[in-house]
Amino acid sequence: RQKTLITTVCAALLLIAVIASALLIGDERIATN
């Protein structure tokens, strides 16, 4: 059960990190250069 909880938290943190990173990345990072 503890292993399951740790894996669940890690998976949830990965998903939160992706969403947070997308919000922090400005449009200039995907602009043409």
Full PDB file with SEQRES, HELIX, SHEET, SSBOND, CRYST1, ORIGX, SCALE, CONECT and MASTER records, all heavy atoms in Angstrom:
SEQRES   1 A   33  ARG GLN LYS THR LEU ILE THR THR VAL CYS ALA ALA LEU          
SEQRES   2 A   33  LEU LEU ILE ALA VAL ILE ALA SER ALA LEU LEU ILE GLY          
SEQRES   3 A   33  ASP GLU ARG ILE ALA THR ASN                                  
HELIX    1 AA1 GLN A    2  LEU A   24  1                                  23    
HELIX    2 AA2 ASP A   27  ILE A   30  5                                   4    
CRYST1    1.000    1.000    1.000  90.00  90.00  90.00 P 1           1          
ORIGX1      1.000000  0.000000  0.000000        0.00000                         
ORIGX2      0.000000  1.000000  0.000000        0.00000                         
ORIGX3      0.000000  0.000000  1.000000        0.00000                         
SCALE1      1.000000  0.000000  0.000000        0.00000                         
SCALE2      0.000000  1.000000  0.000000        0.00000                         
SCALE3      0.000000  0.000000  1.000000        0.00000                         
ATOM      1  N   ARG A   1       0.834  -1.218   0.000  1.00  0.00           N  
ATOM      2  CA  ARG A   1       0.000   0.000   0.000  1.00  0.00           C  
ATOM      3  C   ARG A   1       0.865   1.264   0.000  1.00  0.00           C  
ATOM      4  O   ARG A   1       0.565   2.227  -0.694  1.00  0.00           O  
ATOM      5  CB  ARG A   1      -0.939  -0.006   1.213  1.00  0.00           C  
ATOM      6  CG  ARG A   1      -1.956   1.125   1.186  1.00  0.00           C  
ATOM      7  CD  ARG A   1      -2.967   0.953   2.296  1.00  0.00           C  
ATOM      8  NE  ARG A   1      -3.906   2.062   2.329  1.00  0.00           N  
ATOM      9  CZ  ARG A   1      -4.965   2.172   1.537  1.00  0.00           C  
ATOM     10  NH1 ARG A   1      -5.208   1.246   0.635  1.00  0.00           N  
ATOM     11  NH2 ARG A   1      -5.784   3.200   1.639  1.00  0.00           N  
ATOM     12  N   GLN A   2       1.957   1.257   0.787  1.00  0.00           N  
ATOM     13  CA  GLN A   2       2.862   2.411   0.819  1.00  0.00           C  
ATOM     14  C   GLN A   2       3.545   2.624  -0.530  1.00  0.00           C  
ATOM     15  O   GLN A   2       3.683   3.754  -1.001  1.00  0.00           O  
ATOM     16  CB  GLN A   2       3.911   2.215   1.929  1.00  0.00           C  
ATOM     17  CG  GLN A   2       3.346   2.389   3.333  1.00  0.00           C  
ATOM     18  CD  GLN A   2       4.364   2.028   4.395  1.00  0.00           C  
ATOM     19  OE1 GLN A   2       5.166   1.111   4.221  1.00  0.00           O  
ATOM     20  NE2 GLN A   2       4.336   2.742   5.509  1.00  0.00           N  
ATOM     21  N   LYS A   3       3.959   1.515  -1.163  1.00  0.00           N  
ATOM     22  CA  LYS A   3       4.581   1.602  -2.500  1.00  0.00           C  
ATOM     23  C   LYS A   3       3.589   2.181  -3.504  1.00  0.00           C  
ATOM     24  O   LYS A   3       3.937   3.008  -4.347  1.00  0.00           O  
ATOM     25  CB  LYS A   3       5.038   0.214  -2.968  1.00  0.00           C  
ATOM     26  CG  LYS A   3       6.288  -0.290  -2.275  1.00  0.00           C  
ATOM     27  CD  LYS A   3       6.660  -1.664  -2.803  1.00  0.00           C  
ATOM     28  CE  LYS A   3       7.872  -2.225  -2.065  1.00  0.00           C  
ATOM     29  NZ  LYS A   3       8.198  -3.593  -2.499  1.00  0.00           N  
ATOM     30  N   THR A   4       2.350   1.735  -3.407  1.00  0.00           N  
ATOM     31  CA  THR A   4       1.297   2.227  -4.311  1.00  0.00           C  
ATOM     32  C   THR A   4       1.084   3.718  -4.119  1.00  0.00           C  
ATOM     33  O   THR A   4       0.962   4.474  -5.091  1.00  0.00           O  
ATOM     34  CB  THR A   4      -0.027   1.460  -4.051  1.00  0.00           C  
ATOM     35  OG1 THR A   4       0.209   0.063  -4.193  1.00  0.00           O  
ATOM     36  CG2 THR A   4      -1.107   1.874  -5.038  1.00  0.00           C  
ATOM     37  N   LEU A   5       1.057   4.154  -2.848  1.00  0.00           N  
ATOM     38  CA  LEU A   5       0.886   5.585  -2.553  1.00  0.00           C  
ATOM     39  C   LEU A   5       2.028   6.429  -3.111  1.00  0.00           C  
ATOM     40  O   LEU A   5       1.799   7.487  -3.719  1.00  0.00           O  
ATOM     41  CB  LEU A   5       0.792   5.792  -1.030  1.00  0.00           C  
ATOM     42  CG  LEU A   5      -0.590   5.616  -0.393  1.00  0.00           C  
ATOM     43  CD1 LEU A   5      -0.473   5.586   1.118  1.00  0.00           C  
ATOM     44  CD2 LEU A   5      -1.540   6.739  -0.834  1.00  0.00           C  
ATOM     45  N   ILE A   6       3.269   5.939  -2.952  1.00  0.00           N  
ATOM     46  CA  ILE A   6       4.445   6.679  -3.442  1.00  0.00           C  
ATOM     47  C   ILE A   6       4.407   6.789  -4.966  1.00  0.00           C  
ATOM     48  O   ILE A   6       4.653   7.850  -5.537  1.00  0.00           O  
ATOM     49  CB  ILE A   6       5.755   5.993  -2.963  1.00  0.00           C  
ATOM     50  CG1 ILE A   6       5.899   6.171  -1.443  1.00  0.00           C  
ATOM     51  CG2 ILE A   6       6.970   6.574  -3.679  1.00  0.00           C  
ATOM     52  CD1 ILE A   6       6.963   5.311  -0.819  1.00  0.00           C  
ATOM     53  N   THR A   7       4.096   5.656  -5.642  1.00  0.00           N  
ATOM     54  CA  THR A   7       4.020   5.687  -7.117  1.00  0.00           C  
ATOM     55  C   THR A   7       2.928   6.621  -7.593  1.00  0.00           C  
ATOM     56  O   THR A   7       3.097   7.333  -8.578  1.00  0.00           O  
ATOM     57  CB  THR A   7       3.706   4.284  -7.682  1.00  0.00           C  
ATOM     58  OG1 THR A   7       3.957   3.292  -6.740  1.00  0.00           O  
ATOM     59  CG2 THR A   7       4.499   3.996  -8.897  1.00  0.00           C  
ATOM     60  N   THR A   8       1.785   6.613  -6.897  1.00  0.00           N  
ATOM     61  CA  THR A   8       0.670   7.491  -7.251  1.00  0.00           C  
ATOM     62  C   THR A   8       1.069   8.959  -7.137  1.00  0.00           C  
ATOM     63  O   THR A   8       0.795   9.763  -8.045  1.00  0.00           O  
ATOM     64  CB  THR A   8      -0.547   7.224  -6.331  1.00  0.00           C  
ATOM     65  OG1 THR A   8      -0.860   5.829  -6.381  1.00  0.00           O  
ATOM     66  CG2 THR A   8      -1.764   8.020  -6.764  1.00  0.00           C  
ATOM     67  N   VAL A   9       1.736   9.294  -6.039  1.00  0.00           N  
ATOM     68  CA  VAL A   9       2.178  10.679  -5.825  1.00  0.00           C  
ATOM     69  C   VAL A   9       3.175  11.104  -6.906  1.00  0.00           C  
ATOM     70  O   VAL A   9       3.089  12.201  -7.458  1.00  0.00           O  
ATOM     71  CB  VAL A   9       2.803  10.839  -4.410  1.00  0.00           C  
ATOM     72  CG1 VAL A   9       3.484  12.189  -4.257  1.00  0.00           C  
ATOM     73  CG2 VAL A   9       1.720  10.680  -3.346  1.00  0.00           C  
ATOM     74  N   CYS A  10       4.129  10.211  -7.250  1.00  0.00           N  
ATOM     75  CA  CYS A  10       5.131  10.523  -8.292  1.00  0.00           C  
ATOM     76  C   CYS A  10       4.468  10.761  -9.644  1.00  0.00           C  
ATOM     77  O   CYS A  10       4.815  11.710 -10.352  1.00  0.00           O  
ATOM     78  CB  CYS A  10       6.153   9.387  -8.405  1.00  0.00           C  
ATOM     79  SG  CYS A  10       7.238   9.255  -6.974  1.00  0.00           S  
ATOM     80  N   ALA A  11       3.508   9.900  -9.997  1.00  0.00           N  
ATOM     81  CA  ALA A  11       2.800  10.057 -11.275  1.00  0.00           C  
ATOM     82  C   ALA A  11       2.008  11.360 -11.297  1.00  0.00           C  
ATOM     83  O   ALA A  11       2.014  12.092 -12.291  1.00  0.00           O  
ATOM     84  CB  ALA A  11       1.863   8.869 -11.508  1.00  0.00           C  
ATOM     85  N   ALA A  12       1.346  11.662 -10.166  1.00  0.00           N  
ATOM     86  CA  ALA A  12       0.563  12.906 -10.072  1.00  0.00           C  
ATOM     87  C   ALA A  12       1.471  14.135 -10.169  1.00  0.00           C  
ATOM     88  O   ALA A  12       1.131  15.119 -10.847  1.00  0.00           O  
ATOM     89  CB  ALA A  12      -0.224  12.935  -8.767  1.00  0.00           C  
ATOM     90  N   LEU A  13       2.651  14.081  -9.524  1.00  0.00           N  
ATOM     91  CA  LEU A  13       3.606  15.204  -9.572  1.00  0.00           C  
ATOM     92  C   LEU A  13       4.126  15.436 -10.990  1.00  0.00           C  
ATOM     93  O   LEU A  13       4.303  16.581 -11.412  1.00  0.00           O  
ATOM     94  CB  LEU A  13       4.780  14.947  -8.618  1.00  0.00           C  
ATOM     95  CG  LEU A  13       4.485  15.101  -7.124  1.00  0.00           C  
ATOM     96  CD1 LEU A  13       5.682  14.680  -6.287  1.00  0.00           C  
ATOM     97  CD2 LEU A  13       4.094  16.550  -6.791  1.00  0.00           C  
ATOM     98  N   LEU A  14       4.357  14.347 -11.733  1.00  0.00           N  
ATOM     99  CA  LEU A  14       4.806  14.476 -13.123  1.00  0.00           C  
ATOM    100  C   LEU A  14       3.769  15.216 -13.967  1.00  0.00           C  
ATOM    101  O   LEU A  14       4.098  16.128 -14.731  1.00  0.00           O  
ATOM    102  CB  LEU A  14       5.079  13.082 -13.714  1.00  0.00           C  
ATOM    103  CG  LEU A  14       5.378  13.033 -15.219  1.00  0.00           C  
ATOM    104  CD1 LEU A  14       6.676  13.769 -15.542  1.00  0.00           C  
ATOM    105  CD2 LEU A  14       5.458  11.590 -15.716  1.00  0.00           C  
ATOM    106  N   LEU A  15       2.510  14.827 -13.791  1.00  0.00           N  
ATOM    107  CA  LEU A  15       1.422  15.461 -14.559  1.00  0.00           C  
ATOM    108  C   LEU A  15       1.253  16.929 -14.174  1.00  0.00           C  
ATOM    109  O   LEU A  15       1.057  17.791 -15.034  1.00  0.00           O  
ATOM    110  CB  LEU A  15       0.116  14.691 -14.338  1.00  0.00           C  
ATOM    111  CG  LEU A  15       0.153  13.222 -14.775  1.00  0.00           C  
ATOM    112  CD1 LEU A  15      -1.102  12.506 -14.349  1.00  0.00           C  
ATOM    113  CD2 LEU A  15       0.332  13.118 -16.273  1.00  0.00           C  
ATOM    114  N   ILE A  16       1.359  17.222 -12.871  1.00  0.00           N  
ATOM    115  CA  ILE A  16       1.247  18.612 -12.398  1.00  0.00           C  
ATOM    116  C   ILE A  16       2.410  19.437 -12.947  1.00  0.00           C  
ATOM    117  O   ILE A  16       2.230  20.594 -13.356  1.00  0.00           O  
ATOM    118  CB  ILE A  16       1.212  18.656 -10.852  1.00  0.00           C  
ATOM    119  CG1 ILE A  16      -0.097  18.061 -10.340  1.00  0.00           C  
ATOM    120  CG2 ILE A  16       1.369  20.089 -10.331  1.00  0.00           C  
ATOM    121  CD1 ILE A  16      -0.101  17.720  -8.860  1.00  0.00           C  
ATOM    122  N   ALA A  17       3.619  18.834 -12.984  1.00  0.00           N  
ATOM    123  CA  ALA A  17       4.807  19.541 -13.492  1.00  0.00           C  
ATOM    124  C   ALA A  17       4.638  19.914 -14.964  1.00  0.00           C  
ATOM    125  O   ALA A  17       5.008  21.021 -15.379  1.00  0.00           O  
ATOM    126  CB  ALA A  17       6.044  18.660 -13.313  1.00  0.00           C  
ATOM    127  N   VAL A  18       4.057  19.005 -15.747  1.00  0.00           N  
ATOM    128  CA  VAL A  18       3.833  19.285 -17.182  1.00  0.00           C  
ATOM    129  C   VAL A  18       2.863  20.456 -17.354  1.00  0.00           C  
ATOM    130  O   VAL A  18       3.122  21.387 -18.124  1.00  0.00           O  
ATOM    131  CB  VAL A  18       3.290  18.026 -17.908  1.00  0.00           C  
ATOM    132  CG1 VAL A  18       2.800  18.368 -19.310  1.00  0.00           C  
ATOM    133  CG2 VAL A  18       4.359  16.951 -17.981  1.00  0.00           C  
ATOM    134  N   ILE A  19       1.748  20.413 -16.612  1.00  0.00           N  
ATOM    135  CA  ILE A  19       0.737  21.481 -16.729  1.00  0.00           C  
ATOM    136  C   ILE A  19       1.303  22.817 -16.258  1.00  0.00           C  
ATOM    137  O   ILE A  19       1.131  23.852 -16.914  1.00  0.00           O  
ATOM    138  CB  ILE A  19      -0.533  21.108 -15.927  1.00  0.00           C  
ATOM    139  CG1 ILE A  19      -1.186  19.850 -16.524  1.00  0.00           C  
ATOM    140  CG2 ILE A  19      -1.531  22.254 -15.921  1.00  0.00           C  
ATOM    141  CD1 ILE A  19      -2.198  19.175 -15.636  1.00  0.00           C  
ATOM    142  N   ALA A  20       2.041  22.812 -15.121  1.00  0.00           N  
ATOM    143  CA  ALA A  20       2.633  24.047 -14.588  1.00  0.00           C  
ATOM    144  C   ALA A  20       3.669  24.611 -15.556  1.00  0.00           C  
ATOM    145  O   ALA A  20       3.720  25.827 -15.783  1.00  0.00           O  
ATOM    146  CB  ALA A  20       3.271  23.769 -13.225  1.00  0.00           C  
ATOM    147  N   SER A  21       4.503  23.735 -16.140  1.00  0.00           N  
ATOM    148  CA  SER A  21       5.532  24.180 -17.095  1.00  0.00           C  
ATOM    149  C   SER A  21       4.904  24.822 -18.318  1.00  0.00           C  
ATOM    150  O   SER A  21       5.384  25.843 -18.816  1.00  0.00           O  
ATOM    151  CB  SER A  21       6.398  22.997 -17.536  1.00  0.00           C  
ATOM    152  OG  SER A  21       6.995  22.386 -16.432  1.00  0.00           O  
ATOM    153  N   ALA A  22       3.794  24.232 -18.797  1.00  0.00           N  
ATOM    154  CA  ALA A  22       3.108  24.787 -19.977  1.00  0.00           C  
ATOM    155  C   ALA A  22       2.574  26.193 -19.697  1.00  0.00           C  
ATOM    156  O   ALA A  22       2.609  27.071 -20.561  1.00  0.00           O  
ATOM    157  CB  ALA A  22       1.966  23.868 -20.396  1.00  0.00           C  
ATOM    158  N   LEU A  23       2.102  26.412 -18.468  1.00  0.00           N  
ATOM    159  CA  LEU A  23       1.588  27.736 -18.092  1.00  0.00           C  
ATOM    160  C   LEU A  23       2.709  28.766 -17.961  1.00  0.00           C  
ATOM    161  O   LEU A  23       2.515  29.953 -18.234  1.00  0.00           O  
ATOM    162  CB  LEU A  23       0.818  27.645 -16.767  1.00  0.00           C  
ATOM    163  CG  LEU A  23      -0.483  26.818 -16.793  1.00  0.00           C  
ATOM    164  CD1 LEU A  23      -1.029  26.649 -15.385  1.00  0.00           C  
ATOM    165  CD2 LEU A  23      -1.528  27.469 -17.696  1.00  0.00           C  
ATOM    166  N   LEU A  24       3.906  28.295 -17.551  1.00  0.00           N  
ATOM    167  CA  LEU A  24       5.034  29.207 -17.334  1.00  0.00           C  
ATOM    168  C   LEU A  24       5.790  29.534 -18.619  1.00  0.00           C  
ATOM    169  O   LEU A  24       6.456  30.559 -18.709  1.00  0.00           O  
ATOM    170  CB  LEU A  24       6.010  28.600 -16.310  1.00  0.00           C  
ATOM    171  CG  LEU A  24       5.471  28.457 -14.876  1.00  0.00           C  
ATOM    172  CD1 LEU A  24       6.438  27.662 -14.021  1.00  0.00           C  
ATOM    173  CD2 LEU A  24       5.212  29.827 -14.252  1.00  0.00           C  
ATOM    174  N   ILE A  25       5.703  28.641 -19.619  1.00  0.00           N  
ATOM    175  CA  ILE A  25       6.431  28.872 -20.877  1.00  0.00           C  
ATOM    176  C   ILE A  25       5.722  29.961 -21.683  1.00  0.00           C  
ATOM    177  O   ILE A  25       4.537  29.849 -22.004  1.00  0.00           O  
ATOM    178  CB  ILE A  25       6.525  27.568 -21.703  1.00  0.00           C  
ATOM    179  CG1 ILE A  25       7.455  26.577 -21.008  1.00  0.00           C  
ATOM    180  CG2 ILE A  25       7.032  27.846 -23.121  1.00  0.00           C  
ATOM    181  CD1 ILE A  25       7.454  25.195 -21.620  1.00  0.00           C  
ATOM    182  N   GLY A  26       6.458  30.999 -22.016  1.00  0.00           N  
ATOM    183  CA  GLY A  26       5.893  32.105 -22.798  1.00  0.00           C  
ATOM    184  C   GLY A  26       5.851  31.785 -24.282  1.00  0.00           C  
ATOM    185  O   GLY A  26       6.526  30.855 -24.756  1.00  0.00           O  
ATOM    186  N   ASP A  27       5.059  32.554 -25.036  1.00  0.00           N  
ATOM    187  CA  ASP A  27       4.930  32.327 -26.479  1.00  0.00           C  
ATOM    188  C   ASP A  27       6.239  32.564 -27.227  1.00  0.00           C  
ATOM    189  O   ASP A  27       6.431  32.038 -28.333  1.00  0.00           O  
ATOM    190  CB  ASP A  27       3.830  33.236 -27.061  1.00  0.00           C  
ATOM    191  CG  ASP A  27       2.447  32.806 -26.610  1.00  0.00           C  
ATOM    192  OD1 ASP A  27       2.299  31.612 -26.260  1.00  0.00           O  
ATOM    193  OD2 ASP A  27       1.522  33.644 -26.598  1.00  0.00           O  
ATOM    194  N   GLU A  28       7.157  33.354 -26.637  1.00  0.00           N  
ATOM    195  CA  GLU A  28       8.430  33.634 -27.322  1.00  0.00           C  
ATOM    196  C   GLU A  28       9.275  32.368 -27.470  1.00  0.00           C  
ATOM    197  O   GLU A  28      10.094  32.255 -28.384  1.00  0.00           O  
ATOM    198  CB  GLU A  28       9.230  34.721 -26.570  1.00  0.00           C  
ATOM    199  CG  GLU A  28       9.782  34.329 -25.217  1.00  0.00           C  
ATOM    200  CD  GLU A  28       8.776  34.414 -24.077  1.00  0.00           C  
ATOM    201  OE1 GLU A  28       7.618  34.849 -24.313  1.00  0.00           O  
ATOM    202  OE2 GLU A  28       9.144  34.043 -22.946  1.00  0.00           O  
ATOM    203  N   ARG A  29       9.055  31.373 -26.570  1.00  0.00           N  
ATOM    204  CA  ARG A  29       9.817  30.114 -26.642  1.00  0.00           C  
ATOM    205  C   ARG A  29       9.413  29.270 -27.842  1.00  0.00           C  
ATOM    206  O   ARG A  29      10.187  28.418 -28.293  1.00  0.00           O  
ATOM    207  CB  ARG A  29       9.617  29.300 -25.353  1.00  0.00           C  
ATOM    208  CG  ARG A  29      10.240  29.879 -24.102  1.00  0.00           C  
ATOM    209  CD  ARG A  29      11.770  29.789 -24.106  1.00  0.00           C  
ATOM    210  NE  ARG A  29      12.257  28.438 -24.315  1.00  0.00           N  
ATOM    211  CZ  ARG A  29      12.376  27.522 -23.357  1.00  0.00           C  
ATOM    212  NH1 ARG A  29      12.038  27.831 -22.106  1.00  0.00           N  
ATOM    213  NH2 ARG A  29      12.840  26.326 -23.625  1.00  0.00           N  
ATOM    214  N   ILE A  30       8.186  29.466 -28.336  1.00  0.00           N  
ATOM    215  CA  ILE A  30       7.756  28.680 -29.508  1.00  0.00           C  
ATOM    216  C   ILE A  30       7.602  29.584 -30.739  1.00  0.00           C  
ATOM    217  O   ILE A  30       6.927  29.234 -31.697  1.00  0.00           O  
ATOM    218  CB  ILE A  30       6.439  27.911 -29.227  1.00  0.00           C  
ATOM    219  CG1 ILE A  30       5.339  28.840 -28.716  1.00  0.00           C  
ATOM    220  CG2 ILE A  30       6.669  26.769 -28.259  1.00  0.00           C  
ATOM    221  CD1 ILE A  30       3.991  28.168 -28.607  1.00  0.00           C  
ATOM    222  N   ALA A  31       8.241  30.763 -30.674  1.00  0.00           N  
ATOM    223  CA  ALA A  31       8.207  31.689 -31.818  1.00  0.00           C  
ATOM    224  C   ALA A  31       9.242  31.261 -32.861  1.00  0.00           C  
ATOM    225  O   ALA A  31      10.226  30.590 -32.545  1.00  0.00           O  
ATOM    226  CB  ALA A  31       8.484  33.114 -31.349  1.00  0.00           C  
ATOM    227  N   THR A  32       9.033  31.678 -34.105  1.00  0.00           N  
ATOM    228  CA  THR A  32       9.958  31.360 -35.199  1.00  0.00           C  
ATOM    229  C   THR A  32      11.279  32.104 -35.016  1.00  0.00           C  
ATOM    230  O   THR A  32      11.287  33.291 -34.711  1.00  0.00           O  
ATOM    231  CB  THR A  32       9.320  31.765 -36.545  1.00  0.00           C  
ATOM    232  OG1 THR A  32       8.064  31.089 -36.672  1.00  0.00           O  
ATOM    233  CG2 THR A  32      10.200  31.396 -37.709  1.00  0.00           C  
ATOM    234  N   ASN A  33      12.394  31.363 -35.198  1.00  0.00           N  
ATOM    235  CA  ASN A  33      13.732  31.969 -35.115  1.00  0.00           C  
ATOM    236  C   ASN A  33      14.653  31.207 -36.069  1.00  0.00           C  
ATOM    237  O   ASN A  33      15.228  30.187 -35.712  1.00  0.00           O  
ATOM    238  CB  ASN A  33      14.255  31.910 -33.677  1.00  0.00           C  
ATOM    239  CG  ASN A  33      15.596  32.608 -33.522  1.00  0.00           C  
ATOM    240  OD1 ASN A  33      16.179  33.080 -34.501  1.00  0.00           O  
ATOM    241  ND2 ASN A  33      16.098  32.666 -32.303  1.00  0.00           N  
TER     242      ASN A  33                                                      
MASTER        0    0    0    2    0    0    0    6  241    1    0    3          
END                                                                             
